[in-house]
Amino acid sequence: MRRIMIGSISHELRTPLNSLIILLNSAKDVINLPPDFFEKYLKPAGLCSDYLLHLINDILDYTEINCHNDLRLVFEETNLHNVVQ
């Protein structure tokens, strides 16, 4: 029950957070902002919003794995150079 509640709360947080990220990205294109406004306010807010979205997505992934107990690890050879590219 607790896992389902965490997943539900995470979904409710993600929706307004996506709107905030869109707003911050749109604000970068405003021409008549003071010169240091982007570096001082918009950039840190954007970085924090992205970090928070990743955190919420990780919580959702963790909750999904724990609710269904269906995590499978598949080992296969891969070219690390291609993955990094």
Protein backbone atom coordinates (compact mmCIF):
# COMPACT_ATOMS: atom_id res chain seq x y z
CA MET A 1 0.00 0.00 0.00
CA ARG A 2 2.78 2.42 0.91
CA ARG A 3 4.57 1.79 -2.42
CA ILE A 4 1.43 2.58 -4.40
CA MET A 5 0.99 5.82 -2.44
CA ILE A 6 4.60 6.86 -3.15
CA GLY A 7 4.11 6.19 -6.85
CA SER A 8 0.87 8.17 -6.88
CA ILE A 9 2.44 11.13 -5.09
CA SER A 10 5.40 11.05 -7.46
CA HIS A 11 3.05 11.24 -10.46
CA GLU A 12 1.27 14.22 -8.88
CA LEU A 13 4.61 15.99 -8.38
CA ARG A 14 5.87 15.31 -11.88
CA THR A 15 3.01 17.05 -13.71
CA PRO A 16 3.52 20.57 -12.27
CA LEU A 17 7.27 20.09 -12.36
CA ASN A 18 7.15 19.47 -16.12
CA SER A 19 5.18 22.71 -16.49
CA LEU A 20 7.83 24.57 -14.50
CA ILE A 21 10.61 23.15 -16.68
CA ILE A 22 8.77 24.26 -19.83
CA LEU A 23 8.29 27.75 -18.35
CA LEU A 24 11.97 28.04 -17.41
CA ASN A 25 13.06 26.90 -20.87
CA SER A 26 10.72 29.45 -22.46
CA ALA A 27 12.02 32.23 -20.20
CA LYS A 28 15.52 31.75 -21.61
CA ASP A 29 14.32 33.20 -24.91
CA VAL A 30 13.00 36.48 -23.44
CA ILE A 31 15.14 39.21 -24.97
CA ASN A 32 14.76 42.08 -22.48
CA LEU A 33 15.89 40.26 -19.32
CA PRO A 34 18.69 41.83 -17.28
CA PRO A 35 22.10 40.44 -18.36
CA ASP A 36 22.80 38.36 -15.26
CA PHE A 37 19.20 37.20 -14.69
CA PHE A 38 19.67 33.94 -16.60
CA GLU A 39 22.90 32.95 -14.82
CA LYS A 40 21.70 34.07 -11.40
CA TYR A 41 18.11 32.75 -11.40
CA LEU A 42 16.97 30.79 -14.44
CA LYS A 43 19.96 28.48 -14.82
CA PRO A 44 20.00 27.31 -11.15
CA ALA A 45 16.21 26.88 -11.18
CA GLY A 46 16.44 24.82 -14.36
CA LEU A 47 19.20 22.61 -12.97
CA CYS A 48 17.29 22.03 -9.74
CA SER A 49 14.10 21.24 -11.64
CA ASP A 50 15.90 18.72 -13.85
CA TYR A 51 17.50 17.11 -10.80
CA LEU A 52 14.15 16.88 -9.04
CA LEU A 53 12.51 15.35 -12.12
CA HIS A 54 15.24 12.70 -12.29
CA LEU A 55 14.74 11.97 -8.59
CA ILE A 56 10.98 11.59 -9.02
CA ASN A 57 11.48 9.31 -12.03
CA ASP A 58 13.91 7.18 -10.01
CA ILE A 59 11.32 6.89 -7.22
CA LEU A 60 8.72 5.79 -9.76
CA ASP A 61 11.11 3.21 -11.23
CA TYR A 62 12.01 1.88 -7.78
CA THR A 63 8.34 1.66 -6.80
CA GLU A 64 7.48 -0.14 -10.03
CA ILE A 65 10.26 -2.68 -9.53
CA ASN A 66 9.25 -3.33 -5.92
CA CYS A 67 5.52 -3.59 -6.63
CA HIS A 68 5.85 -6.16 -9.36
CA ASN A 69 9.05 -7.95 -8.37
CA ASP A 70 9.77 -8.44 -12.06
CA LEU A 71 13.29 -7.06 -12.35
CA ARG A 72 15.40 -9.27 -14.59
CA LEU A 73 19.06 -8.76 -15.24
CA VAL A 74 20.20 -9.70 -18.71
CA PHE A 75 23.93 -9.98 -19.19
CA GLU A 76 25.22 -9.43 -22.69
CA GLU A 77 28.42 -8.29 -24.28
CA THR A 78 28.52 -4.69 -25.42
CA ASN A 79 30.97 -2.25 -26.87
CA LEU A 80 31.59 0.38 -24.18
CA HIS A 81 32.97 2.82 -26.73
CA ASN A 82 29.67 2.76 -28.67
CA VAL A 83 27.66 3.23 -25.46
CA VAL A 84 29.69 6.28 -24.45
CA GLN A 85 29.38 7.80 -27.94
